[in-house]
């Protein structure tokens, strides 16, 4: 599995999770943190 595909899967899972709690937290800092971490990770790997 390539990093890009993994990132896409994670993004999908995270976005789906945030949608479930979207009513309570429209701006989810955790989601932003996770995506930022993954972006940094993939950037370092490639």
PDB file of N, CA and C in Angstrom:
ATOM      1  N   UNK A   1       0.854  -1.196   0.000  1.00  0.00           N
ATOM      2  CA  UNK A   1       0.000   0.000   0.000  1.00  0.00           C
ATOM      3  C   UNK A   1       0.890   1.246   0.000  1.00  0.00           C
ATOM      4  N   UNK A   2       0.639   2.137  -0.912  1.00  0.00           N
ATOM      5  CA  UNK A   2       1.450   3.347  -1.011  1.00  0.00           C
ATOM      6  C   UNK A   2       1.019   4.363   0.035  1.00  0.00           C
ATOM      7  N   UNK A   3       1.904   5.308   0.346  1.00  0.00           N
ATOM      8  CA  UNK A   3       1.587   6.321   1.350  1.00  0.00           C
ATOM      9  C   UNK A   3       0.381   7.160   0.950  1.00  0.00           C
ATOM     10  N   UNK A   4       0.284   7.476  -0.341  1.00  0.00           N
ATOM     11  CA  UNK A   4      -0.831   8.300  -0.797  1.00  0.00           C
ATOM     12  C   UNK A   4      -2.169   7.625  -0.557  1.00  0.00           C
ATOM     13  N   UNK A   5      -2.211   6.332  -0.837  1.00  0.00           N
ATOM     14  CA  UNK A   5      -3.471   5.594  -0.630  1.00  0.00           C
ATOM     15  C   UNK A   5      -3.820   5.530   0.847  1.00  0.00           C
ATOM     16  N   UNK A   6      -2.806   5.299   1.665  1.00  0.00           N
ATOM     17  CA  UNK A   6      -3.032   5.238   3.104  1.00  0.00           C
ATOM     18  C   UNK A   6      -3.565   6.577   3.614  1.00  0.00           C
ATOM     19  N   UNK A   7      -2.947   7.657   3.149  1.00  0.00           N
ATOM     20  CA  UNK A   7      -3.379   8.997   3.569  1.00  0.00           C
ATOM     21  C   UNK A   7      -4.831   9.228   3.166  1.00  0.00           C
ATOM     22  N   UNK A   8      -5.185   8.780   1.952  1.00  0.00           N
ATOM     23  CA  UNK A   8      -6.554   8.964   1.474  1.00  0.00           C
ATOM     24  C   UNK A   8      -7.531   8.193   2.367  1.00  0.00           C
ATOM     25  N   UNK A   9      -7.142   6.979   2.733  1.00  0.00           N
ATOM     26  CA  UNK A   9      -8.002   6.169   3.599  1.00  0.00           C
ATOM     27  C   UNK A   9      -8.177   6.843   4.951  1.00  0.00           C
ATOM     28  N   UNK A  10      -7.075   7.338   5.506  1.00  0.00           N
ATOM     29  CA  UNK A  10      -7.145   8.012   6.804  1.00  0.00           C
ATOM     30  C   UNK A  10      -8.024   9.247   6.704  1.00  0.00           C
ATOM     31  N   UNK A  11      -7.817  10.015   5.629  1.00  0.00           N
ATOM     32  CA  UNK A  11      -8.612  11.235   5.440  1.00  0.00           C
ATOM     33  C   UNK A  11     -10.097  10.896   5.407  1.00  0.00           C
ATOM     34  N   UNK A  12     -10.424   9.820   4.693  1.00  0.00           N
ATOM     35  CA  UNK A  12     -11.819   9.406   4.583  1.00  0.00           C
ATOM     36  C   UNK A  12     -12.376   9.046   5.964  1.00  0.00           C
ATOM     37  N   UNK A  13     -11.599   8.268   6.699  1.00  0.00           N
ATOM     38  CA  UNK A  13     -12.051   7.838   8.020  1.00  0.00           C
ATOM     39  C   UNK A  13     -12.220   9.042   8.947  1.00  0.00           C
ATOM     40  N   UNK A  14     -11.250   9.947   8.902  1.00  0.00           N
ATOM     41  CA  UNK A  14     -11.303  11.118   9.776  1.00  0.00           C
ATOM     42  C   UNK A  14     -12.479  12.004   9.415  1.00  0.00           C
ATOM     43  N   UNK A  15     -12.686  12.222   8.118  1.00  0.00           N
ATOM     44  CA  UNK A  15     -13.792  13.094   7.693  1.00  0.00           C
ATOM     45  C   UNK A  15     -15.128  12.459   8.079  1.00  0.00           C
ATOM     46  N   UNK A  16     -15.240  11.151   7.933  1.00  0.00           N
ATOM     47  CA  UNK A  16     -16.468  10.466   8.317  1.00  0.00           C
ATOM     48  C   UNK A  16     -16.702  10.586   9.805  1.00  0.00           C
ATOM     49  N   UNK A  17     -15.627  10.479  10.586  1.00  0.00           N
ATOM     50  CA  UNK A  17     -15.740  10.586  12.035  1.00  0.00           C
ATOM     51  C   UNK A  17     -16.168  11.994  12.428  1.00  0.00           C
ATOM     52  N   UNK A  18     -15.560  12.982  11.786  1.00  0.00           N
ATOM     53  CA  UNK A  18     -15.880  14.371  12.122  1.00  0.00           C
ATOM     54  C   UNK A  18     -17.322  14.695  11.739  1.00  0.00           C
ATOM     55  N   UNK A  19     -17.815  14.064  10.669  1.00  0.00           N
ATOM     56  CA  UNK A  19     -19.188  14.327  10.250  1.00  0.00           C
ATOM     57  C   UNK A  19     -20.157  13.847  11.329  1.00  0.00           C
ATOM     58  N   UNK A  20     -19.802  12.757  11.990  1.00  0.00           N
ATOM     59  CA  UNK A  20     -20.666  12.220  13.038  1.00  0.00           C
ATOM     60  C   UNK A  20     -20.741  13.192  14.216  1.00  0.00           C
ATOM     61  N   UNK A  21     -19.634  13.883  14.501  1.00  0.00           N
ATOM     62  CA  UNK A  21     -19.636  14.832  15.617  1.00  0.00           C
ATOM     63  C   UNK A  21     -19.680  16.269  15.104  1.00  0.00           C
ATOM     64  N   UNK A  22     -19.945  16.455  13.813  1.00  0.00           N
ATOM     65  CA  UNK A  22     -19.900  17.789  13.228  1.00  0.00           C
ATOM     66  C   UNK A  22     -20.840  18.778  13.911  1.00  0.00           C
ATOM     67  N   UNK A  23     -21.992  18.289  14.378  1.00  0.00           N
ATOM     68  CA  UNK A  23     -22.964  19.186  14.991  1.00  0.00           C
ATOM     69  C   UNK A  23     -22.379  19.829  16.252  1.00  0.00           C
ATOM     70  N   UNK A  24     -21.629  19.035  17.016  1.00  0.00           N
ATOM     71  CA  UNK A  24     -21.073  19.560  18.270  1.00  0.00           C
ATOM     72  C   UNK A  24     -19.825  20.397  18.011  1.00  0.00           C
ATOM     73  N   UNK A  25     -18.935  19.896  17.155  1.00  0.00           N
ATOM     74  CA  UNK A  25     -17.679  20.608  16.915  1.00  0.00           C
ATOM     75  C   UNK A  25     -17.491  20.859  15.427  1.00  0.00           C
ATOM     76  N   UNK A  26     -17.997  21.980  14.935  1.00  0.00           N
ATOM     77  CA  UNK A  26     -17.835  22.294  13.515  1.00  0.00           C
ATOM     78  C   UNK A  26     -16.357  22.440  13.143  1.00  0.00           C
ATOM     79  N   UNK A  27     -15.565  23.038  14.037  1.00  0.00           N
ATOM     80  CA  UNK A  27     -14.126  23.156  13.770  1.00  0.00           C
ATOM     81  C   UNK A  27     -13.414  22.202  14.704  1.00  0.00           C
ATOM     82  N   UNK A  28     -13.037  21.055  14.161  1.00  0.00           N
ATOM     83  CA  UNK A  28     -12.420  20.018  14.984  1.00  0.00           C
ATOM     84  C   UNK A  28     -10.908  20.188  14.983  1.00  0.00           C
ATOM     85  N   UNK A  29     -10.317  20.627  16.091  1.00  0.00           N
ATOM     86  CA  UNK A  29      -8.861  20.806  16.148  1.00  0.00           C
ATOM     87  C   UNK A  29      -8.114  19.483  16.016  1.00  0.00           C
ATOM     88  N   UNK A  30      -8.741  18.402  16.496  1.00  0.00           N
ATOM     89  CA  UNK A  30      -8.088  17.092  16.424  1.00  0.00           C
ATOM     90  C   UNK A  30      -7.916  16.677  14.973  1.00  0.00           C
ATOM     91  N   UNK A  31      -8.962  16.857  14.180  1.00  0.00           N
ATOM     92  CA  UNK A  31      -8.885  16.491  12.763  1.00  0.00           C
ATOM     93  C   UNK A  31      -7.779  17.286  12.083  1.00  0.00           C
ATOM     94  N   UNK A  32      -7.712  18.590  12.392  1.00  0.00           N
ATOM     95  CA  UNK A  32      -6.684  19.439  11.796  1.00  0.00           C
ATOM     96  C   UNK A  32      -5.301  18.946  12.208  1.00  0.00           C
ATOM     97  N   UNK A  33      -5.177  18.584  13.468  1.00  0.00           N
ATOM     98  CA  UNK A  33      -3.905  18.096  13.986  1.00  0.00           C
ATOM     99  C   UNK A  33      -3.485  16.824  13.271  1.00  0.00           C
ATOM    100  N   UNK A  34      -4.434  15.888  13.129  1.00  0.00           N
ATOM    101  CA  UNK A  34      -4.131  14.597  12.508  1.00  0.00           C
ATOM    102  C   UNK A  34      -3.700  14.785  11.062  1.00  0.00           C
ATOM    103  N   UNK A  35      -4.463  15.563  10.323  1.00  0.00           N
ATOM    104  CA  UNK A  35      -4.127  15.755   8.906  1.00  0.00           C
ATOM    105  C   UNK A  35      -2.775  16.449   8.779  1.00  0.00           C
ATOM    106  N   UNK A  36      -2.492  17.391   9.695  1.00  0.00           N
ATOM    107  CA  UNK A  36      -1.214  18.101   9.656  1.00  0.00           C
ATOM    108  C   UNK A  36      -0.072  17.121   9.918  1.00  0.00           C
ATOM    109  N   UNK A  37      -0.278  16.254  10.910  1.00  0.00           N
ATOM    110  CA  UNK A  37       0.753  15.256  11.237  1.00  0.00           C
ATOM    111  C   UNK A  37       1.010  14.350  10.048  1.00  0.00           C
ATOM    112  N   UNK A  38      -0.066  13.888   9.410  1.00  0.00           N
ATOM    113  CA  UNK A  38       0.094  12.972   8.276  1.00  0.00           C
ATOM    114  C   UNK A  38       0.771  13.674   7.107  1.00  0.00           C
ATOM    115  N   UNK A  39       0.421  14.931   6.888  1.00  0.00           N
ATOM    116  CA  UNK A  39       1.043  15.680   5.800  1.00  0.00           C
ATOM    117  C   UNK A  39       2.543  15.794   6.056  1.00  0.00           C
ATOM    118  N   UNK A  40       2.908  16.060   7.299  1.00  0.00           N
ATOM    119  CA  UNK A  40       4.325  16.181   7.647  1.00  0.00           C
ATOM    120  C   UNK A  40       5.023  14.837   7.487  1.00  0.00           C
ATOM    121  N   UNK A  41       4.350  13.778   7.960  1.00  0.00           N
ATOM    122  CA  UNK A  41       4.925  12.434   7.864  1.00  0.00           C
ATOM    123  C   UNK A  41       5.191  12.055   6.418  1.00  0.00           C
ATOM    124  N   UNK A  42       4.178  12.235   5.560  1.00  0.00           N
ATOM    125  CA  UNK A  42       4.319  11.859   4.156  1.00  0.00           C
ATOM    126  C   UNK A  42       5.369  12.735   3.486  1.00  0.00           C
ATOM    127  N   UNK A  43       5.426  13.996   3.880  1.00  0.00           N
ATOM    128  CA  UNK A  43       6.412  14.900   3.296  1.00  0.00           C
ATOM    129  C   UNK A  43       7.828  14.438   3.620  1.00  0.00           C
ATOM    130  N   UNK A  44       8.017  13.978   4.851  1.00  0.00           N
ATOM    131  CA  UNK A  44       9.347  13.516   5.262  1.00  0.00           C
ATOM    132  C   UNK A  44       9.696  12.214   4.557  1.00  0.00           C
ATOM    133  N   UNK A  45       8.682  11.347   4.396  1.00  0.00           N
ATOM    134  CA  UNK A  45       8.927  10.026   3.782  1.00  0.00           C
ATOM    135  C   UNK A  45       9.310  10.143   2.315  1.00  0.00           C
ATOM    136  N   UNK A  46       8.619  10.995   1.575  1.00  0.00           N
ATOM    137  CA  UNK A  46       8.857  11.055   0.130  1.00  0.00           C
ATOM    138  C   UNK A  46      10.102  11.861  -0.194  1.00  0.00           C
TER     139      UNK A  46
END
